[in-house]
Protein backbone atom coordinates (compact mmCIF):
# COMPACT_ATOMS: atom_id res chain seq x y z
CA MET A 1 0.00 0.00 0.00
CA ASN A 2 1.45 3.35 -1.07
CA LEU A 3 0.60 6.46 0.92
CA TYR A 4 1.25 9.99 -0.24
CA GLY A 5 1.68 13.18 1.71
CA GLU A 6 3.26 16.60 1.96
CA ILE A 7 4.70 19.06 4.44
CA LEU A 8 2.21 21.86 5.07
CA SER A 9 3.60 25.38 5.15
CA GLU A 10 3.63 27.34 8.39
CA PRO A 11 0.86 29.95 8.54
CA ILE A 12 1.46 33.68 8.53
CA LEU A 13 -0.07 35.33 11.59
CA ARG A 14 -2.06 38.54 11.34
CA PHE A 15 -1.66 41.47 13.75
CA ASP A 16 -3.58 44.74 13.67
CA PHE A 17 -6.94 44.30 11.95
CA SER A 18 -6.60 47.64 10.14
CA SER A 19 -3.31 46.84 8.35
CA ILE A 20 -2.86 44.02 5.82
CA SER A 21 0.92 44.38 6.16
CA ALA A 22 0.91 43.71 9.92
CA GLU A 23 1.97 40.08 9.56
CA ASP A 24 4.66 37.84 10.99
CA THR A 25 5.43 34.15 11.31
CA TYR A 26 6.42 34.52 14.97
CA SER A 27 3.70 35.54 17.43
CA LYS A 28 5.86 37.28 20.02
CA ARG A 29 7.77 39.32 17.45
CA GLY A 30 4.53 40.25 15.70
CA LEU A 31 2.99 41.57 18.91
CA ILE A 32 6.02 43.73 19.65
CA ARG A 33 6.10 45.13 16.10
CA TYR A 34 2.41 45.68 15.45
CA GLY A 35 0.42 45.13 18.64
CA PRO A 36 -2.57 42.79 18.88
CA TYR A 37 -5.07 42.08 16.13
CA ASP A 38 -7.81 44.13 17.79
CA SER A 39 -5.66 47.14 18.74
CA ASN A 40 -7.55 49.44 16.34
CA ILE A 41 -10.96 47.98 17.11
CA SER A 42 -13.08 49.51 19.86
CA ARG A 43 -11.77 48.27 23.22
CA LYS A 44 -11.00 49.45 26.75
CA ASP A 45 -8.46 52.22 27.46
CA GLU A 46 -6.87 50.03 30.12
CA VAL A 47 -7.20 46.60 31.68
CA LYS A 48 -8.08 46.81 35.37
CA SER A 49 -6.87 44.01 37.64
CA ILE A 50 -7.05 43.12 41.30
CA VAL A 51 -4.30 40.94 42.78
CA LEU A 52 -5.38 38.38 45.37
CA PHE A 53 -2.57 36.67 47.27
CA PRO A 54 -2.09 34.70 50.52
CA ASP A 55 -0.87 36.43 53.67
CA GLY A 56 2.89 36.39 53.86
CA PHE A 57 3.58 36.45 50.13
CA GLN A 58 3.90 40.20 49.53
CA MET A 59 7.30 39.75 47.89
CA GLU A 60 5.96 37.33 45.25
CA GLU A 61 2.96 39.61 44.70
CA GLN A 62 5.29 42.54 43.96
CA ILE A 63 7.34 40.38 41.60
CA LEU A 64 4.15 39.66 39.66
CA ILE A 65 3.03 43.29 39.51
CA ASP A 66 6.46 44.69 38.61
CA GLY A 67 6.99 41.94 36.05
CA LEU A 68 3.69 42.52 34.27
CA ILE A 69 3.99 46.32 34.27
CA ASN A 70 7.71 46.89 33.76
CA GLY A 71 8.71 43.52 32.33
CA GLU A 72 11.70 41.32 33.02
CA GLY A 73 14.62 40.29 30.83
CA LYS A 74 13.62 40.75 27.18
CA PHE A 75 9.93 41.00 28.13
CA GLY A 76 8.99 44.68 28.15
CA GLY A 77 5.77 44.27 30.11
CA PHE A 78 2.07 43.91 29.28
CA LYS A 79 1.85 47.22 27.42
CA SER A 80 4.80 46.35 25.15
CA PHE A 81 2.75 43.49 23.70
CA PHE A 82 -0.80 44.81 23.75
CA LYS A 83 -0.37 48.61 23.49
CA ILE A 84 -2.73 49.11 26.43
CA PRO A 85 -1.81 49.56 30.10
CA LEU A 86 -2.50 46.96 32.74
CA LYS A 87 -3.59 48.79 35.89
CA PHE A 88 -3.62 47.09 39.29
CA VAL A 89 -6.41 48.88 41.12
CA GLU A 90 -6.07 46.93 44.38
CA GLU A 91 -3.82 44.40 46.08
CA ILE A 92 -5.59 42.13 48.58
CA SER A 93 -4.07 39.53 50.87
CA PHE A 94 -6.31 36.72 52.08
CA ARG A 95 -6.54 33.96 54.68
CA PRO A 96 -8.63 30.80 54.29
CA ASP A 97 -11.12 32.16 56.84
CA ASN A 98 -11.81 35.48 55.07
CA VAL A 99 -11.55 34.58 51.39
CA LYS A 100 -15.35 34.36 50.90
CA TYR A 101 -15.87 37.87 52.21
CA LEU A 102 -13.05 39.22 50.05
CA LEU A 103 -14.42 37.54 46.93
CA SER A 104 -17.82 39.17 47.51
CA ARG A 105 -16.12 42.54 47.85
CA ILE A 106 -14.07 42.00 44.68
CA SER A 107 -17.17 40.94 42.73
CA GLY A 108 -18.81 44.25 43.64
CA GLN A 109 -15.88 46.16 42.17
CA ASN A 110 -16.21 44.32 38.85
CA PRO A 111 -12.56 44.36 37.66
CA ASP A 112 -11.66 43.14 34.18
CA ILE A 113 -9.62 40.28 35.64
CA VAL A 114 -8.29 39.04 38.98
CA HIS A 115 -4.73 37.73 39.22
CA VAL A 116 -4.55 35.12 41.96
CA LEU A 117 -1.36 33.86 43.58
CA LEU A 118 -1.66 30.41 45.13
CA PRO A 119 0.59 27.75 46.62
CA LYS A 120 0.62 24.54 44.62
CA SER A 121 -1.38 22.53 47.16
CA ASN A 122 -4.34 24.88 47.61
CA THR A 123 -6.80 23.14 45.26
CA ASN A 124 -9.87 23.84 47.42
CA ILE A 125 -9.18 27.56 47.55
CA TYR A 126 -8.42 27.48 43.80
CA HIS A 127 -11.88 26.11 43.01
CA GLU A 128 -13.60 28.41 45.49
CA ILE A 129 -11.98 31.55 44.09
CA LYS A 130 -12.39 30.60 40.43
CA LEU A 131 -16.03 29.63 40.82
CA LYS A 132 -17.06 32.73 42.77
CA LEU A 133 -15.43 35.05 40.25
CA LEU A 134 -16.79 33.22 37.18
CA ALA A 135 -20.28 33.20 38.67
CA ASN A 136 -20.01 36.99 38.79
CA GLY A 137 -18.69 37.26 35.23
CA ILE A 138 -15.07 37.94 36.20
CA PRO A 139 -12.23 35.94 34.61
CA SER A 140 -9.21 35.02 36.71
CA GLN A 141 -5.59 34.14 36.05
CA MET A 142 -4.17 31.70 38.57
CA ILE A 143 -0.41 31.81 39.18
CA THR A 144 1.55 29.23 41.15
CA ILE A 145 3.83 31.02 43.60
CA ASP A 146 6.72 28.60 43.05
CA LYS A 147 6.86 29.54 39.36
CA LEU A 148 7.62 33.16 40.21
CA LYS A 149 10.65 32.04 42.21
CA ASP A 150 12.29 30.48 39.15
CA LEU A 151 14.66 33.25 38.06
CA ARG A 152 15.70 31.52 34.82
CA GLY A 153 12.18 30.95 33.54
CA ARG A 154 10.36 33.90 35.07
CA GLN A 155 10.49 36.07 31.95
CA TYR A 156 8.61 33.41 29.99
CA ILE A 157 6.13 32.80 32.81
CA LEU A 158 5.31 36.51 32.87
CA GLU A 159 4.95 36.64 29.08
CA ASN A 160 2.50 33.73 29.14
CA ILE A 161 0.53 35.28 32.01
CA ALA A 162 0.23 38.51 30.02
CA LEU A 163 -0.92 36.67 26.88
CA ALA A 164 -3.55 34.57 28.64
CA SER A 165 -4.78 37.59 30.61
CA TYR A 166 -5.34 39.63 27.45
CA ALA A 167 -7.32 36.82 25.86
CA LYS A 168 -9.37 36.24 29.01
CA VAL A 169 -10.61 39.84 29.11
CA GLY A 170 -11.86 39.46 25.52
CA GLY A 171 -8.79 40.52 23.54
CA THR A 172 -7.62 38.97 20.27
CA PRO A 173 -3.80 38.78 20.27
CA TRP A 174 -3.47 37.46 16.70
CA THR A 175 -5.28 35.50 14.00
CA VAL A 176 -4.21 33.55 10.94
CA SER A 177 -3.64 35.52 7.76
CA THR A 178 -5.83 34.06 5.03
CA THR A 179 -6.39 34.78 1.35
CA HIS A 180 -9.90 33.34 1.54
CA ASN A 181 -12.41 36.17 1.76
CA GLU A 182 -15.46 33.98 2.14
CA ASN A 183 -17.68 34.44 5.16
CA ASN A 184 -17.01 30.99 6.62
CA LEU A 185 -18.23 29.95 10.05
CA ILE A 186 -16.21 27.35 11.95
CA ILE A 187 -17.95 25.67 14.89
CA GLY A 188 -16.25 23.53 17.51
CA VAL A 189 -18.67 20.99 19.00
CA SER A 190 -18.07 18.79 22.01
CA ARG A 191 -19.55 17.40 25.20
CA ALA A 192 -18.49 16.62 28.74
CA LYS A 193 -19.71 14.61 31.72
CA ASP A 194 -19.52 15.55 35.36
CA LYS A 195 -17.39 13.65 37.87
CA SER A 196 -20.14 11.10 38.50
CA LYS A 197 -20.35 10.41 34.73
CA LYS A 198 -24.07 11.11 35.05
CA TYR A 199 -24.78 14.53 33.63
CA LEU A 200 -24.11 15.51 30.03
CA VAL A 201 -23.21 19.00 28.88
CA GLY A 202 -23.03 19.99 25.23
CA PHE A 203 -21.33 23.17 24.09
CA VAL A 204 -20.21 24.89 20.90
CA THR A 205 -17.54 27.50 20.19
CA LEU A 206 -17.70 29.78 17.15
CA PHE A 207 -14.79 31.12 15.11
CA THR A 208 -14.35 33.20 11.99
CA ASN A 209 -12.44 32.05 8.93
CA ASP A 210 -9.14 33.38 10.33
CA GLY A 211 -9.51 31.74 13.75
CA ASP A 212 -10.87 34.71 15.72
CA PHE A 213 -12.95 33.45 18.67
CA LEU A 214 -16.48 34.89 18.73
CA PHE A 215 -18.41 33.26 21.55
CA MET A 216 -19.37 30.05 23.34
CA HIS A 217 -22.83 28.54 23.58
CA SER A 218 -23.99 26.00 26.15
CA LYS A 219 -27.20 24.86 27.82
CA ALA A 220 -28.22 23.30 31.10
CA PRO A 221 -26.85 19.79 31.73
CA VAL A 222 -29.16 16.82 31.20
CA ILE A 223 -29.21 13.19 32.31
CA GLU A 224 -30.87 11.50 29.33
CA TRP A 225 -28.92 11.03 26.10
CA GLU A 226 -32.07 11.84 24.09
CA LYS A 227 -32.37 15.26 25.70
CA TYR A 228 -28.68 15.88 25.06
CA VAL A 229 -28.83 15.17 21.31
CA ASP A 230 -32.05 17.15 20.91
CA GLY A 231 -30.51 20.03 22.84
CA LEU A 232 -27.35 19.84 20.75
CA SER A 233 -29.36 20.40 17.59
CA ASP A 234 -31.04 23.47 19.09
CA LEU A 235 -27.69 24.71 20.39
CA ILE A 236 -26.02 24.62 16.98
CA HIS A 237 -29.04 26.10 15.23
CA GLU A 238 -29.23 29.02 17.67
CA ALA A 239 -25.49 29.62 17.37
CA ILE A 240 -25.71 29.82 13.57
CA LEU A 241 -28.61 32.27 13.78
CA GLU A 242 -26.68 34.47 16.20
CA TYR A 243 -23.62 34.38 13.96
CA SER A 244 -25.77 35.45 11.01
CA ASN A 245 -27.05 38.43 12.98
CA ILE A 246 -23.48 39.51 13.71
CA LYS A 247 -21.58 38.59 10.54
CA GLY A 248 -24.30 37.90 7.98
CA ASP A 249 -25.24 34.53 6.51
CA PRO A 250 -22.14 32.32 6.22
CA ASP A 251 -21.00 31.12 2.80
CA THR A 252 -19.86 27.81 4.30
CA ILE A 253 -20.34 26.18 7.71
CA ILE A 254 -17.58 23.92 9.00
CA VAL A 255 -18.15 21.81 12.11
CA HIS A 256 -15.23 20.33 14.05
CA PHE A 257 -16.33 17.51 16.37
CA HIS A 258 -13.60 16.43 18.76
CA LYS A 259 -15.17 13.48 20.57
CA ARG A 260 -15.93 10.25 18.72
CA PRO A 261 -19.49 11.14 17.70
CA GLY A 262 -22.39 8.71 17.89
CA LYS A 263 -24.93 8.33 15.10
CA ARG A 264 -27.53 10.33 16.96
CA GLU A 265 -25.06 13.17 17.57
CA LEU A 266 -24.17 13.32 13.89
CA GLN A 267 -27.84 13.25 12.97
CA SER A 268 -28.45 16.04 15.45
CA ILE A 269 -25.69 18.17 13.90
CA GLU A 270 -26.99 17.49 10.40
CA ASN A 271 -30.53 18.42 11.44
CA ALA A 272 -29.31 21.71 12.88
CA LEU A 273 -27.43 22.57 9.69
CA LYS A 274 -30.44 21.77 7.51
CA LYS A 275 -32.77 23.64 9.86
CA THR A 276 -31.15 26.97 9.08
CA ASN A 277 -32.93 26.91 5.69
CA ARG A 278 -29.87 28.32 3.99
CA ASP A 279 -28.11 27.13 0.85
CA ALA A 280 -24.65 27.28 2.41
CA PRO A 281 -22.75 24.00 2.01
CA TYR A 282 -21.43 22.47 5.22
CA ALA A 283 -18.69 20.12 6.28
CA ILE A 284 -18.69 17.91 9.37
CA VAL A 285 -15.09 17.08 10.26
CA HIS A 286 -13.99 14.56 12.90
CA LEU A 287 -10.79 15.48 14.77
CA ASN A 288 -9.45 12.40 16.54
CA GLU A 289 -6.40 13.17 18.68
CA TYR A 290 -6.25 9.62 20.04
CA SER A 291 -5.39 7.94 16.77
CA ASN A 292 -3.71 4.51 16.77
CA PHE A 293 -1.52 5.65 13.90
CA ARG A 294 2.06 6.78 14.40
CA LEU A 295 4.32 8.50 11.90
CA PHE A 296 8.10 8.02 11.66
CA ASP A 297 10.84 9.34 9.40
CA THR A 298 13.35 6.55 8.70
CA THR A 299 15.64 8.99 6.86
CA HIS A 300 16.42 10.89 10.08
CA SER A 301 18.41 9.65 13.06
CA SER A 302 15.65 10.67 15.49
CA TYR A 303 12.90 8.97 13.43
CA ILE A 304 10.81 12.09 14.12
CA PRO A 305 9.11 13.49 10.99
CA PRO A 306 8.97 17.22 10.28
CA LYS A 307 6.20 19.28 11.85
CA GLY A 308 3.23 19.74 9.52
CA LEU A 309 3.53 16.35 7.81
CA LYS A 310 0.21 15.38 6.22
CA VAL A 311 -0.36 11.81 5.05
CA ASN A 312 -3.37 11.01 2.87
CA LEU A 313 -5.19 7.81 3.81
CA SER A 314 -8.03 8.45 1.37
CA TYR A 315 -9.77 11.36 -0.32
CA HIS A 316 -11.71 12.02 2.92
CA GLU A 317 -9.20 11.03 5.64
CA VAL A 318 -5.69 12.25 6.49
CA LEU A 319 -3.15 12.04 9.28
CA LEU A 320 -1.63 15.35 10.38
CA LEU A 321 1.42 15.91 12.55
CA LEU A 322 0.88 19.05 14.64
CA ASP A 323 4.18 18.63 16.41
CA GLY A 324 7.48 17.23 15.14
CA ARG A 325 10.94 18.11 13.98
CA ILE A 326 11.64 21.73 13.08
CA GLY A 327 14.54 21.78 10.67
CA ASP A 328 16.94 19.26 12.14
CA LYS A 329 15.88 19.73 15.76
CA ARG A 330 13.22 18.30 18.04
CA TYR A 331 12.33 20.60 20.96
CA LYS A 332 10.04 18.25 22.87
CA VAL A 333 10.25 14.76 24.33
CA GLY A 334 8.14 11.80 23.22
CA VAL A 335 6.39 10.65 20.07
CA PRO A 336 4.63 13.54 18.28
CA ARG A 337 0.85 13.63 18.39
CA VAL A 338 -0.95 12.46 15.26
CA LEU A 339 -4.32 14.00 14.48
CA ASP A 340 -6.65 11.76 12.46
CA ILE A 341 -8.93 14.02 10.41
CA ARG A 342 -11.95 12.65 8.58
CA LEU A 343 -14.59 14.35 6.46
CA ASP A 344 -18.01 12.92 7.35
CA ARG A 345 -20.09 11.51 4.52
CA ARG A 346 -23.02 13.73 5.58
CA SER A 347 -21.09 16.81 4.46
CA THR A 348 -22.50 18.73 1.51
CA LEU A 349 -19.29 20.68 0.87
CA ASP A 350 -17.44 19.38 -2.20
CA SER A 351 -14.79 16.83 -1.14
CA ASP A 352 -12.29 18.71 -3.35
CA LYS A 353 -12.27 21.32 -0.56
CA PHE A 354 -11.07 18.79 2.02
CA PRO A 355 -7.34 19.68 1.60
CA ASP A 356 -8.24 23.32 2.35
CA LEU A 357 -10.07 22.22 5.51
CA VAL A 358 -7.01 20.26 6.63
CA LYS A 359 -4.72 23.25 6.04
CA GLN A 360 -7.10 25.42 8.02
CA ILE A 361 -6.98 22.95 10.92
CA TYR A 362 -3.18 23.06 10.84
CA ASP A 363 -3.24 26.86 10.76
CA PHE A 364 -5.68 26.91 13.69
CA SER A 365 -3.13 24.94 15.74
CA HIS A 366 -1.02 28.13 15.79
CA ILE A 367 -3.71 30.06 17.66
CA ASN A 368 -3.10 28.99 21.22
CA TRP A 369 -3.31 32.04 23.46
CA ARG A 370 -2.64 30.02 26.59
CA GLY A 371 1.08 30.65 26.14
CA PHE A 372 3.69 31.43 23.51
CA ASN A 373 5.15 27.94 23.86
CA ALA A 374 1.81 26.16 24.35
CA THR A 375 1.08 22.80 22.75
CA ALA A 376 0.15 22.92 19.07
CA ILE A 377 -3.54 22.01 18.95
CA PRO A 378 -6.33 23.42 16.74
CA VAL A 379 -8.13 26.18 18.61
CA THR A 380 -11.53 24.53 18.03
CA LEU A 381 -10.28 21.34 19.65
CA ASN A 382 -8.33 23.13 22.38
CA TYR A 383 -11.24 25.28 23.58
CA SER A 384 -13.54 22.25 23.67
CA LYS A 385 -11.07 20.36 25.85
CA LEU A 386 -10.55 23.29 28.21
CA ILE A 387 -14.28 23.90 28.63
CA ALA A 388 -14.87 20.19 29.27
CA LYS A 389 -12.18 20.29 31.94
CA MET A 390 -13.90 23.26 33.59
CA VAL A 391 -17.25 21.45 33.58
CA VAL A 392 -15.69 18.56 35.50
CA GLU A 393 -13.69 20.77 37.87
CA LEU A 394 -16.44 23.21 38.81
CA GLY A 395 -19.39 20.83 38.87
CA ILE A 396 -22.75 20.79 37.11
CA ARG A 397 -24.67 23.13 39.41
CA ASN A 398 -21.90 25.67 39.30
CA TRP A 399 -21.69 25.41 35.52
CA ASN A 400 -25.37 26.34 35.31
CA GLN A 401 -24.68 29.46 37.33
CA ILE A 402 -21.83 30.49 35.02
CA ILE A 403 -23.92 29.92 31.89
CA ALA A 404 -26.89 31.80 33.33
CA GLU A 405 -24.68 34.81 34.07
CA GLY A 406 -23.70 35.04 30.41
CA LYS A 407 -21.08 37.78 30.84
CA LEU A 408 -18.16 35.58 29.80
CA ARG A 409 -19.51 33.94 26.67
CA ASP A 410 -17.40 36.09 24.31
CA LYS A 411 -14.21 35.85 26.40
CA ALA A 412 -11.68 33.00 26.48
CA TRP A 413 -12.00 32.76 30.28
CA PHE A 414 -11.25 29.01 30.26
CA LEU A 415 -7.65 29.37 29.04
C-alpha cells in the first residue's frame, strides 16, 4: 500500500486588523512590532486588575506586579505586547477564613480580571476563588507562587501570564492571515460529563475564517442522552442564527467535532445545519487526537518526521502531525501527536475542498493564546477540551450558574 503526503507550510499570523501588512510568522515578534489584532478595534483604554494573594507572600505579589507592568529580561511588560496599560487597582491579601468575604467585595468592584497567587497545594481555595469570580462574570488568572521564584524561567512565565490575561478579558492577540475572503463559520462541537459520569453537557464554540474566537454557547446539563442530542441540535441552530445576525449569513459552515461522535449526535448536527434553511454548504469534520496511527521518518536519526507532515489515507481522511521536527531539531520529548482528520459523509461541501479544511486545521493549531510555547492544537479542539475540563472541575450546578450569568460567553475565560 502506497501512501502519499506533503509538508504543510507554516501559517502567517495577522496582527492589527486595520493593516494588511501587519503580519509575521512569529507571534511574540509580531505583537512587539504591530500590537494585537484588535488594537484598532473599539476596546478598553486600560485593563483593570485586582491581585489576590495569601498572607505572607507580599514579595511574590510585587514580583508579579512589577513583572507585568515593567517587564523582566527581554519581556517589556504587558503594554509592550498589547499597546494598552494593565492597571492594578487593588492588592488584597487573604486567609482561608476570610476569602469568601473578600471575593464578595471584589465581585462588587467588577474588575476586568483578577490575578490570583496560590501555593501549589491549595486546590480547594483554587476552586472556590475561580467559581465565585466566574459566577459573577469575572475571569481570573491563577499563578503558582513557586513559578515566580524560578529566576531563569520567570520572563517566559510573565509573558505567558500577560498573553492569557489579554485573551481572558476578551482581547484577540493574533489571528491567521488568510487569502480566503469567504464568510465561513467554523464551529467547535463537544460534550463533557460531570465527575459522577451522570450529567451531560453539550457546548459549541464559534470562530471566523481566520480563527478569531467569537463566543461560546452552552445549555443546562441533562441526564438522558435523548435530551442531550435534541438540545445539541437546538444549540447549533441558535449559534448559527446568532452568527448570522453579527456577521451575515455564512457562505460555508464547517463543524469540528472532537469526541468520537455517535450516530444520533451526527444526525443532530446534520438536522441543525439543515434547519437553518440556507443554501450554504457544510462540512462535518472529525478530529481524533487519540489515533492509533504513528508517523516516523526513517531517513532521520531521530525517526521524528517534520512538523506539519500530512499523510493522505483516502480522499476524505488524512493524518496530520501538529508537532514534530523543526529543521533538524526536536524541541520536545516523546512521540509527536498524530491528528486523524476525517470528512463525514453527511457533508455537503465538495470533497475537493477537504485539503483546504485540513490546512485550516493546521493553521488553527497556531492560535493557542494560553502561552507562547503552548502545545500545538487546533483552537476549536483546544477550547472544547478546556471547557470540558472546567465542567468537570467546577461541577454541574456551578456550571449552570456560570452559563446563566452570560457575561463571559465572548471571552476566552477558560484558558
